[in-house]
Amino acid sequence: MIEQLPKKIQSTIEWLRLQLPEDASLFLFGSQVKGNKTGSDYDIGIKCKTEIEWKKFCLIKNEAEERAWPYKIDLVDLKRAPKEFLEVVEKEAIEI
């Protein structure tokens, strides 16, 4: 799946892996996975047992958004997401 993504998104994902705890998994979800909105943002979820400090997460999110430009990404810490949101994400998410 990752090979099908734009190079900018691929390199941003690789950068994210270096910034996150070793037990972190990344997931792509949303309209890009469903293929129903071309040109929409890339929703990337982070799931890990190790808690990511909120301030650090915000710094990583901001840097990832800049690295992905001109594409838009939405980085989500799935550990902090509401249960209802997680249920939707789990149905469509693809691990990357």
PDB file of N, CA and C in Angstrom:
ATOM      1  N   MET A   1       0.824  -1.206   0.000  1.00  0.00           N
ATOM      2  CA  MET A   1       0.000   0.000   0.000  1.00  0.00           C
ATOM      3  C   MET A   1       0.863   1.264   0.000  1.00  0.00           C
ATOM      4  N   ILE A   2       1.903   1.267   0.812  1.00  0.00           N
ATOM      5  CA  ILE A   2       2.717   2.478   0.935  1.00  0.00           C
ATOM      6  C   ILE A   2       3.365   2.855  -0.396  1.00  0.00           C
ATOM      7  N   GLU A   3       3.658   1.858  -1.229  1.00  0.00           N
ATOM      8  CA  GLU A   3       4.292   2.125  -2.520  1.00  0.00           C
ATOM      9  C   GLU A   3       3.371   2.915  -3.452  1.00  0.00           C
ATOM     10  N   GLN A   4       2.081   2.859  -3.202  1.00  0.00           N
ATOM     11  CA  GLN A   4       1.108   3.555  -4.044  1.00  0.00           C
ATOM     12  C   GLN A   4       0.910   5.012  -3.628  1.00  0.00           C
ATOM     13  N   LEU A   5       1.460   5.381  -2.497  1.00  0.00           N
ATOM     14  CA  LEU A   5       1.304   6.743  -2.001  1.00  0.00           C
ATOM     15  C   LEU A   5       2.317   7.668  -2.671  1.00  0.00           C
ATOM     16  N   PRO A   6       1.992   8.971  -2.742  1.00  0.00           N
ATOM     17  CA  PRO A   6       2.966   9.929  -3.285  1.00  0.00           C
ATOM     18  C   PRO A   6       4.277   9.882  -2.488  1.00  0.00           C
ATOM     19  N   LYS A   7       5.380  10.151  -3.161  1.00  0.00           N
ATOM     20  CA  LYS A   7       6.709  10.092  -2.534  1.00  0.00           C
ATOM     21  C   LYS A   7       6.801  10.965  -1.284  1.00  0.00           C
ATOM     22  N   LYS A   8       6.177  12.135  -1.319  1.00  0.00           N
ATOM     23  CA  LYS A   8       6.203  13.047  -0.165  1.00  0.00           C
ATOM     24  C   LYS A   8       5.543  12.402   1.047  1.00  0.00           C
ATOM     25  N   ILE A   9       4.442  11.698   0.819  1.00  0.00           N
ATOM     26  CA  ILE A   9       3.737  11.022   1.909  1.00  0.00           C
ATOM     27  C   ILE A   9       4.573   9.840   2.399  1.00  0.00           C
ATOM     28  N   GLN A  10       5.174   9.108   1.485  1.00  0.00           N
ATOM     29  CA  GLN A  10       6.040   7.985   1.863  1.00  0.00           C
ATOM     30  C   GLN A  10       7.194   8.452   2.748  1.00  0.00           C
ATOM     31  N   SER A  11       7.848   9.527   2.343  1.00  0.00           N
ATOM     32  CA  SER A  11       8.989  10.017   3.131  1.00  0.00           C
ATOM     33  C   SER A  11       8.530  10.565   4.485  1.00  0.00           C
ATOM     34  N   THR A  12       7.338  11.141   4.536  1.00  0.00           N
ATOM     35  CA  THR A  12       6.797  11.627   5.806  1.00  0.00           C
ATOM     36  C   THR A  12       6.512  10.456   6.736  1.00  0.00           C
ATOM     37  N   ILE A  13       5.982   9.376   6.202  1.00  0.00           N
ATOM     38  CA  ILE A  13       5.711   8.178   7.001  1.00  0.00           C
ATOM     39  C   ILE A  13       7.018   7.601   7.542  1.00  0.00           C
ATOM     40  N   GLU A  14       8.036   7.546   6.714  1.00  0.00           N
ATOM     41  CA  GLU A  14       9.337   7.037   7.171  1.00  0.00           C
ATOM     42  C   GLU A  14       9.910   7.933   8.267  1.00  0.00           C
ATOM     43  N   TRP A  15       9.761   9.247   8.118  1.00  0.00           N
ATOM     44  CA  TRP A  15      10.221  10.183   9.143  1.00  0.00           C
ATOM     45  C   TRP A  15       9.447   9.948  10.441  1.00  0.00           C
ATOM     46  N   LEU A  16       8.131   9.749  10.328  1.00  0.00           N
ATOM     47  CA  LEU A  16       7.302   9.504  11.513  1.00  0.00           C
ATOM     48  C   LEU A  16       7.796   8.286  12.286  1.00  0.00           C
ATOM     49  N   ARG A  17       8.136   7.238  11.574  1.00  0.00           N
ATOM     50  CA  ARG A  17       8.609   6.006  12.223  1.00  0.00           C
ATOM     51  C   ARG A  17       9.847   6.279  13.090  1.00  0.00           C
ATOM     52  N   LEU A  18      10.684   7.198  12.658  1.00  0.00           N
ATOM     53  CA  LEU A  18      11.895   7.537  13.415  1.00  0.00           C
ATOM     54  C   LEU A  18      11.592   8.369  14.656  1.00  0.00           C
ATOM     55  N   GLN A  19      10.477   9.078  14.642  1.00  0.00           N
ATOM     56  CA  GLN A  19      10.128   9.970  15.746  1.00  0.00           C
ATOM     57  C   GLN A  19       9.323   9.281  16.842  1.00  0.00           C
ATOM     58  N   LEU A  20       8.678   8.190  16.501  1.00  0.00           N
ATOM     59  CA  LEU A  20       7.731   7.542  17.407  1.00  0.00           C
ATOM     60  C   LEU A  20       8.379   6.396  18.176  1.00  0.00           C
ATOM     61  N   PRO A  21       7.754   5.986  19.285  1.00  0.00           N
ATOM     62  CA  PRO A  21       8.273   4.834  20.029  1.00  0.00           C
ATOM     63  C   PRO A  21       8.344   3.589  19.139  1.00  0.00           C
ATOM     64  N   GLU A  22       9.221   2.673  19.492  1.00  0.00           N
ATOM     65  CA  GLU A  22       9.426   1.465  18.684  1.00  0.00           C
ATOM     66  C   GLU A  22       8.168   0.626  18.536  1.00  0.00           C
ATOM     67  N   ASP A  23       7.282   0.665  19.525  1.00  0.00           N
ATOM     68  CA  ASP A  23       6.080  -0.164  19.462  1.00  0.00           C
ATOM     69  C   ASP A  23       4.930   0.505  18.691  1.00  0.00           C
ATOM     70  N   ALA A  24       5.199   1.620  18.054  1.00  0.00           N
ATOM     71  CA  ALA A  24       4.150   2.345  17.324  1.00  0.00           C
ATOM     72  C   ALA A  24       3.836   1.673  15.989  1.00  0.00           C
ATOM     73  N   SER A  25       2.550   1.630  15.685  1.00  0.00           N
ATOM     74  CA  SER A  25       2.071   1.170  14.380  1.00  0.00           C
ATOM     75  C   SER A  25       1.353   2.338  13.721  1.00  0.00           C
ATOM     76  N   LEU A  26       1.473   2.426  12.399  1.00  0.00           N
ATOM     77  CA  LEU A  26       0.822   3.498  11.650  1.00  0.00           C
ATOM     78  C   LEU A  26      -0.267   2.907  10.768  1.00  0.00           C
ATOM     79  N   PHE A  27      -1.380   3.625  10.677  1.00  0.00           N
ATOM     80  CA  PHE A  27      -2.524   3.176   9.899  1.00  0.00           C
ATOM     81  C   PHE A  27      -3.016   4.306   9.004  1.00  0.00           C
ATOM     82  N   LEU A  28      -3.398   3.952   7.805  1.00  0.00           N
ATOM     83  CA  LEU A  28      -4.018   4.895   6.884  1.00  0.00           C
ATOM     84  C   LEU A  28      -5.510   4.593   6.896  1.00  0.00           C
ATOM     85  N   PHE A  29      -6.328   5.634   7.012  1.00  0.00           N
ATOM     86  CA  PHE A  29      -7.773   5.440   7.029  1.00  0.00           C
ATOM     87  C   PHE A  29      -8.443   6.648   6.389  1.00  0.00           C
ATOM     88  N   GLY A  30      -9.746   6.597   6.257  1.00  0.00           N
ATOM     89  CA  GLY A  30     -10.489   7.730   5.706  1.00  0.00           C
ATOM     90  C   GLY A  30     -10.699   7.632   4.214  1.00  0.00           C
ATOM     91  N   SER A  31     -10.980   8.774   3.611  1.00  0.00           N
ATOM     92  CA  SER A  31     -11.370   8.809   2.199  1.00  0.00           C
ATOM     93  C   SER A  31     -10.273   8.339   1.253  1.00  0.00           C
ATOM     94  N   GLN A  32      -9.015   8.508   1.611  1.00  0.00           N
ATOM     95  CA  GLN A  32      -7.934   8.024   0.744  1.00  0.00           C
ATOM     96  C   GLN A  32      -7.938   6.497   0.675  1.00  0.00           C
ATOM     97  N   VAL A  33      -8.286   5.841   1.761  1.00  0.00           N
ATOM     98  CA  VAL A  33      -8.365   4.379   1.776  1.00  0.00           C
ATOM     99  C   VAL A  33      -9.598   3.915   1.015  1.00  0.00           C
ATOM    100  N   LYS A  34     -10.709   4.602   1.252  1.00  0.00           N
ATOM    101  CA  LYS A  34     -11.961   4.225   0.590  1.00  0.00           C
ATOM    102  C   LYS A  34     -11.950   4.586  -0.884  1.00  0.00           C
ATOM    103  N   GLY A  35     -11.103   5.561  -1.241  1.00  0.00           N
ATOM    104  CA  GLY A  35     -11.006   5.970  -2.641  1.00  0.00           C
ATOM    105  C   GLY A  35     -12.178   6.791  -3.131  1.00  0.00           C
ATOM    106  N   ASN A  36     -12.919   7.387  -2.209  1.00  0.00           N
ATOM    107  CA  ASN A  36     -14.098   8.143  -2.633  1.00  0.00           C
ATOM    108  C   ASN A  36     -13.881   9.646  -2.725  1.00  0.00           C
ATOM    109  N   LYS A  37     -12.690  10.115  -2.413  1.00  0.00           N
ATOM    110  CA  LYS A  37     -12.400  11.553  -2.530  1.00  0.00           C
ATOM    111  C   LYS A  37     -10.951  11.741  -2.938  1.00  0.00           C
ATOM    112  N   THR A  38     -10.699  11.823  -4.208  1.00  0.00           N
ATOM    113  CA  THR A  38      -9.330  12.074  -4.643  1.00  0.00           C
ATOM    114  C   THR A  38      -8.964  13.507  -4.289  1.00  0.00           C
ATOM    115  N   GLY A  39      -7.739  13.697  -3.896  1.00  0.00           N
ATOM    116  CA  GLY A  39      -7.293  15.035  -3.524  1.00  0.00           C
ATOM    117  C   GLY A  39      -7.567  15.386  -2.078  1.00  0.00           C
ATOM    118  N   SER A  40      -8.160  14.470  -1.316  1.00  0.00           N
ATOM    119  CA  SER A  40      -8.429  14.757   0.092  1.00  0.00           C
ATOM    120  C   SER A  40      -7.168  14.513   0.922  1.00  0.00           C
ATOM    121  N   ASP A  41      -7.257  14.831   2.206  1.00  0.00           N
ATOM    122  CA  ASP A  41      -6.083  14.651   3.062  1.00  0.00           C
ATOM    123  C   ASP A  41      -5.829  13.172   3.340  1.00  0.00           C
ATOM    124  N   TYR A  42      -4.644  12.891   3.838  1.00  0.00           N
ATOM    125  CA  TYR A  42      -4.257  11.536   4.217  1.00  0.00           C
ATOM    126  C   TYR A  42      -4.400  11.433   5.729  1.00  0.00           C
ATOM    127  N   ASP A  43      -5.313  10.589   6.170  1.00  0.00           N
ATOM    128  CA  ASP A  43      -5.535  10.379   7.599  1.00  0.00           C
ATOM    129  C   ASP A  43      -4.609   9.266   8.062  1.00  0.00           C
ATOM    130  N   ILE A  44      -3.732   9.598   8.999  1.00  0.00           N
ATOM    131  CA  ILE A  44      -2.754   8.636   9.506  1.00  0.00           C
ATOM    132  C   ILE A  44      -2.946   8.499  11.012  1.00  0.00           C
ATOM    133  N   GLY A  45      -3.230   7.280  11.433  1.00  0.00           N
ATOM    134  CA  GLY A  45      -3.409   6.995  12.851  1.00  0.00           C
ATOM    135  C   GLY A  45      -2.168   6.363  13.442  1.00  0.00           C
ATOM    136  N   ILE A  46      -1.882   6.725  14.680  1.00  0.00           N
ATOM    137  CA  ILE A  46      -0.758   6.155  15.424  1.00  0.00           C
ATOM    138  C   ILE A  46      -1.335   5.339  16.572  1.00  0.00           C
ATOM    139  N   LYS A  47      -0.861   4.114  16.686  1.00  0.00           N
ATOM    140  CA  LYS A  47      -1.304   3.256  17.786  1.00  0.00           C
ATOM    141  C   LYS A  47      -0.063   2.660  18.437  1.00  0.00           C
ATOM    142  N   CYS A  48       0.084   2.892  19.741  1.00  0.00           N
ATOM    143  CA  CYS A  48       1.213   2.294  20.452  1.00  0.00           C
ATOM    144  C   CYS A  48       0.889   2.163  21.931  1.00  0.00           C
ATOM    145  N   LYS A  49       1.568   1.232  22.577  1.00  0.00           N
ATOM    146  CA  LYS A  49       1.368   1.020  24.009  1.00  0.00           C
ATOM    147  C   LYS A  49       2.027   2.129  24.817  1.00  0.00           C
ATOM    148  N   THR A  50       3.143   2.606  24.323  1.00  0.00           N
ATOM    149  CA  THR A  50       3.866   3.684  24.989  1.00  0.00           C
ATOM    150  C   THR A  50       3.106   4.991  24.790  1.00  0.00           C
ATOM    151  N   GLU A  51       2.866   5.681  25.878  1.00  0.00           N
ATOM    152  CA  GLU A  51       2.150   6.956  25.775  1.00  0.00           C
ATOM    153  C   GLU A  51       3.060   8.010  25.145  1.00  0.00           C
ATOM    154  N   ILE A  52       2.506   8.757  24.210  1.00  0.00           N
ATOM    155  CA  ILE A  52       3.231   9.866  23.590  1.00  0.00           C
ATOM    156  C   ILE A  52       2.791  11.138  24.301  1.00  0.00           C
ATOM    157  N   GLU A  53       3.733  11.810  24.902  1.00  0.00           N
ATOM    158  CA  GLU A  53       3.432  13.062  25.597  1.00  0.00           C
ATOM    159  C   GLU A  53       2.737  14.018  24.621  1.00  0.00           C
ATOM    160  N   TRP A  54       1.688  14.706  25.091  1.00  0.00           N
ATOM    161  CA  TRP A  54       0.876  15.563  24.224  1.00  0.00           C
ATOM    162  C   TRP A  54       1.715  16.625  23.515  1.00  0.00           C
ATOM    163  N   LYS A  55       2.609  17.267  24.243  1.00  0.00           N
ATOM    164  CA  LYS A  55       3.445  18.310  23.636  1.00  0.00           C
ATOM    165  C   LYS A  55       4.302  17.725  22.516  1.00  0.00           C
ATOM    166  N   LYS A  56       4.885  16.556  22.761  1.00  0.00           N
ATOM    167  CA  LYS A  56       5.707  15.906  21.739  1.00  0.00           C
ATOM    168  C   LYS A  56       4.854  15.528  20.530  1.00  0.00           C
ATOM    169  N   PHE A  57       3.652  14.997  20.778  1.00  0.00           N
ATOM    170  CA  PHE A  57       2.763  14.634  19.677  1.00  0.00           C
ATOM    171  C   PHE A  57       2.459  15.860  18.813  1.00  0.00           C
ATOM    172  N   CYS A  58       2.175  16.983  19.447  1.00  0.00           N
ATOM    173  CA  CYS A  58       1.868  18.215  18.695  1.00  0.00           C
ATOM    174  C   CYS A  58       3.058  18.656  17.844  1.00  0.00           C
ATOM    175  N   LEU A  59       4.260  18.560  18.392  1.00  0.00           N
ATOM    176  CA  LEU A  59       5.456  18.920  17.624  1.00  0.00           C
ATOM    177  C   LEU A  59       5.644  17.987  16.429  1.00  0.00           C
ATOM    178  N   ILE A  60       5.456  16.690  16.656  1.00  0.00           N
ATOM    179  CA  ILE A  60       5.576  15.709  15.571  1.00  0.00           C
ATOM    180  C   ILE A  60       4.515  15.967  14.512  1.00  0.00           C
ATOM    181  N   LYS A  61       3.293  16.217  14.945  1.00  0.00           N
ATOM    182  CA  LYS A  61       2.181  16.475  14.019  1.00  0.00           C
ATOM    183  C   LYS A  61       2.479  17.692  13.144  1.00  0.00           C
ATOM    184  N   ASN A  62       2.930  18.772  13.758  1.00  0.00           N
ATOM    185  CA  ASN A  62       3.229  19.993  12.999  1.00  0.00           C
ATOM    186  C   ASN A  62       4.348  19.770  11.988  1.00  0.00           C
ATOM    187  N   GLU A  63       5.402  19.099  12.419  1.00  0.00           N
ATOM    188  CA  GLU A  63       6.526  18.831  11.518  1.00  0.00           C
ATOM    189  C   GLU A  63       6.097  17.903  10.379  1.00  0.00           C
ATOM    190  N   ALA A  64       5.296  16.891  10.695  1.00  0.00           N
ATOM    191  CA  ALA A  64       4.816  15.961   9.661  1.00  0.00           C
ATOM    192  C   ALA A  64       3.971  16.697   8.624  1.00  0.00           C
ATOM    193  N   GLU A  65       3.134  17.610   9.078  1.00  0.00           N
ATOM    194  CA  GLU A  65       2.307  18.394   8.148  1.00  0.00           C
ATOM    195  C   GLU A  65       3.183  19.216   7.212  1.00  0.00           C
ATOM    196  N   GLU A  66       4.243  19.803   7.741  1.00  0.00           N
ATOM    197  CA  GLU A  66       5.158  20.586   6.903  1.00  0.00           C
ATOM    198  C   GLU A  66       5.912  19.700   5.921  1.00  0.00           C
ATOM    199  N   ARG A  67       6.341  18.537   6.374  1.00  0.00           N
ATOM    200  CA  ARG A  67       7.082  17.618   5.504  1.00  0.00           C
ATOM    201  C   ARG A  67       6.213  17.074   4.370  1.00  0.00           C
ATOM    202  N   ALA A  68       4.937  16.913   4.622  1.00  0.00           N
ATOM    203  CA  ALA A  68       4.026  16.330   3.628  1.00  0.00           C
ATOM    204  C   ALA A  68       3.591  17.336   2.563  1.00  0.00           C
ATOM    205  N   TRP A  69       3.796  18.624   2.818  1.00  0.00           N
ATOM    206  CA  TRP A  69       3.352  19.653   1.875  1.00  0.00           C
ATOM    207  C   TRP A  69       3.897  19.361   0.487  1.00  0.00           C
ATOM    208  N   PRO A  70       3.121  19.468  -0.574  1.00  0.00           N
ATOM    209  CA  PRO A  70       1.832  20.133  -0.730  1.00  0.00           C
ATOM    210  C   PRO A  70       0.625  19.252  -0.406  1.00  0.00           C
ATOM    211  N   TYR A  71       0.866  18.039   0.066  1.00  0.00           N
ATOM    212  CA  TYR A  71      -0.248  17.171   0.459  1.00  0.00           C
ATOM    213  C   TYR A  71      -0.648  17.504   1.885  1.00  0.00           C
ATOM    214  N   LYS A  72      -1.888  17.228   2.203  1.00  0.00           N
ATOM    215  CA  LYS A  72      -2.375  17.470   3.558  1.00  0.00           C
ATOM    216  C   LYS A  72      -2.498  16.137   4.276  1.00  0.00           C
ATOM    217  N   ILE A  73      -2.029  16.121   5.521  1.00  0.00           N
ATOM    218  CA  ILE A  73      -2.206  14.932   6.341  1.00  0.00           C
ATOM    219  C   ILE A  73      -2.884  15.321   7.643  1.00  0.00           C
ATOM    220  N   ASP A  74      -3.567  14.361   8.222  1.00  0.00           N
ATOM    221  CA  ASP A  74      -4.173  14.535   9.537  1.00  0.00           C
ATOM    222  C   ASP A  74      -3.650  13.397  10.399  1.00  0.00           C
ATOM    223  N   LEU A  75      -2.824  13.727  11.349  1.00  0.00           N
ATOM    224  CA  LEU A  75      -2.204  12.740  12.225  1.00  0.00           C
ATOM    225  C   LEU A  75      -3.052  12.599  13.485  1.00  0.00           C
ATOM    226  N   VAL A  76      -3.414  11.358  13.831  1.00  0.00           N
ATOM    227  CA  VAL A  76      -4.298  11.104  14.964  1.00  0.00           C
ATOM    228  C   VAL A  76      -3.646  10.103  15.914  1.00  0.00           C
ATOM    229  N   ASP A  77      -3.576  10.465  17.188  1.00  0.00           N
ATOM    230  CA  ASP A  77      -3.121   9.528  18.216  1.00  0.00           C
ATOM    231  C   ASP A  77      -4.338   8.695  18.600  1.00  0.00           C
ATOM    232  N   LEU A  78      -4.388   7.471  18.122  1.00  0.00           N
ATOM    233  CA  LEU A  78      -5.570   6.632  18.319  1.00  0.00           C
ATOM    234  C   LEU A  78      -5.799   6.275  19.786  1.00  0.00           C
ATOM    235  N   LYS A  79      -4.774   6.379  20.598  1.00  0.00           N
ATOM    236  CA  LYS A  79      -4.920   6.112  22.036  1.00  0.00           C
ATOM    237  C   LYS A  79      -5.798   7.183  22.698  1.00  0.00           C
ATOM    238  N   ARG A  80      -5.813   8.366  22.138  1.00  0.00           N
ATOM    239  CA  ARG A  80      -6.598   9.471  22.695  1.00  0.00           C
ATOM    240  C   ARG A  80      -7.956   9.644  22.006  1.00  0.00           C
ATOM    241  N   ALA A  81      -8.204   8.876  20.977  1.00  0.00           N
ATOM    242  CA  ALA A  81      -9.434   9.043  20.192  1.00  0.00           C
ATOM    243  C   ALA A  81     -10.638   8.441  20.922  1.00  0.00           C
ATOM    244  N   PRO A  82     -11.822   9.032  20.710  1.00  0.00           N
ATOM    245  CA  PRO A  82     -13.045   8.478  21.315  1.00  0.00           C
ATOM    246  C   PRO A  82     -13.347   7.073  20.775  1.00  0.00           C
ATOM    247  N   LYS A  83     -13.988   6.272  21.599  1.00  0.00           N
ATOM    248  CA  LYS A  83     -14.300   4.883  21.248  1.00  0.00           C
ATOM    249  C   LYS A  83     -15.093   4.788  19.941  1.00  0.00           C
ATOM    250  N   GLU A  84     -16.064   5.658  19.757  1.00  0.00           N
ATOM    251  CA  GLU A  84     -16.900   5.632  18.554  1.00  0.00           C
ATOM    252  C   GLU A  84     -16.054   5.880  17.302  1.00  0.00           C
ATOM    253  N   PHE A  85     -15.114   6.789  17.407  1.00  0.00           N
ATOM    254  CA  PHE A  85     -14.214   7.095  16.297  1.00  0.00           C
ATOM    255  C   PHE A  85     -13.343   5.878  15.981  1.00  0.00           C
ATOM    256  N   LEU A  86     -12.823   5.238  17.022  1.00  0.00           N
ATOM    257  CA  LEU A  86     -11.975   4.060  16.842  1.00  0.00           C
ATOM    258  C   LEU A  86     -12.717   2.929  16.143  1.00  0.00           C
ATOM    259  N   GLU A  87     -13.987   2.761  16.465  1.00  0.00           N
ATOM    260  CA  GLU A  87     -14.782   1.708  15.832  1.00  0.00           C
ATOM    261  C   GLU A  87     -14.861   1.916  14.326  1.00  0.00           C
ATOM    262  N   VAL A  88     -15.026   3.150  13.902  1.00  0.00           N
ATOM    263  CA  VAL A  88     -15.083   3.466  12.470  1.00  0.00           C
ATOM    264  C   VAL A  88     -13.714   3.247  11.831  1.00  0.00           C
ATOM    265  N   VAL A  89     -12.674   3.739  12.481  1.00  0.00           N
ATOM    266  CA  VAL A  89     -11.312   3.618  11.952  1.00  0.00           C
ATOM    267  C   VAL A  89     -10.922   2.145  11.799  1.00  0.00           C
ATOM    268  N   GLU A  90     -11.221   1.339  12.803  1.00  0.00           N
ATOM    269  CA  GLU A  90     -10.825  -0.073  12.778  1.00  0.00           C
ATOM    270  C   GLU A  90     -11.453  -0.837  11.619  1.00  0.00           C
ATOM    271  N   LYS A  91     -12.602  -0.406  11.150  1.00  0.00           N
ATOM    272  CA  LYS A  91     -13.279  -1.078  10.036  1.00  0.00           C
ATOM    273  C   LYS A  91     -12.560  -0.858   8.713  1.00  0.00           C
ATOM    274  N   GLU A  92     -11.917   0.280   8.561  1.00  0.00           N
ATOM    275  CA  GLU A  92     -11.345   0.631   7.255  1.00  0.00           C
ATOM    276  C   GLU A  92      -9.832   0.809   7.248  1.00  0.00           C
ATOM    277  N   ALA A  93      -9.209   0.872   8.406  1.00  0.00           N
ATOM    278  CA  ALA A  93      -7.778   1.188   8.482  1.00  0.00           C
ATOM    279  C   ALA A  93      -6.906   0.113   7.844  1.00  0.00           C
ATOM    280  N   ILE A  94      -5.836   0.585   7.206  1.00  0.00           N
ATOM    281  CA  ILE A  94      -4.833  -0.290   6.612  1.00  0.00           C
ATOM    282  C   ILE A  94      -3.506   0.036   7.287  1.00  0.00           C
ATOM    283  N   GLU A  95      -2.865  -0.975   7.836  1.00  0.00           N
ATOM    284  CA  GLU A  95      -1.571  -0.738   8.480  1.00  0.00           C
ATOM    285  C   GLU A  95      -0.523  -0.448   7.414  1.00  0.00           C
ATOM    286  N   ILE A  96       0.274   0.582   7.667  1.00  0.00           N
ATOM    287  CA  ILE A  96       1.305   0.979   6.704  1.00  0.00           C
ATOM    288  C   ILE A  96       2.679   0.909   7.354  1.00  0.00           C
TER     289      ILE A  96
END
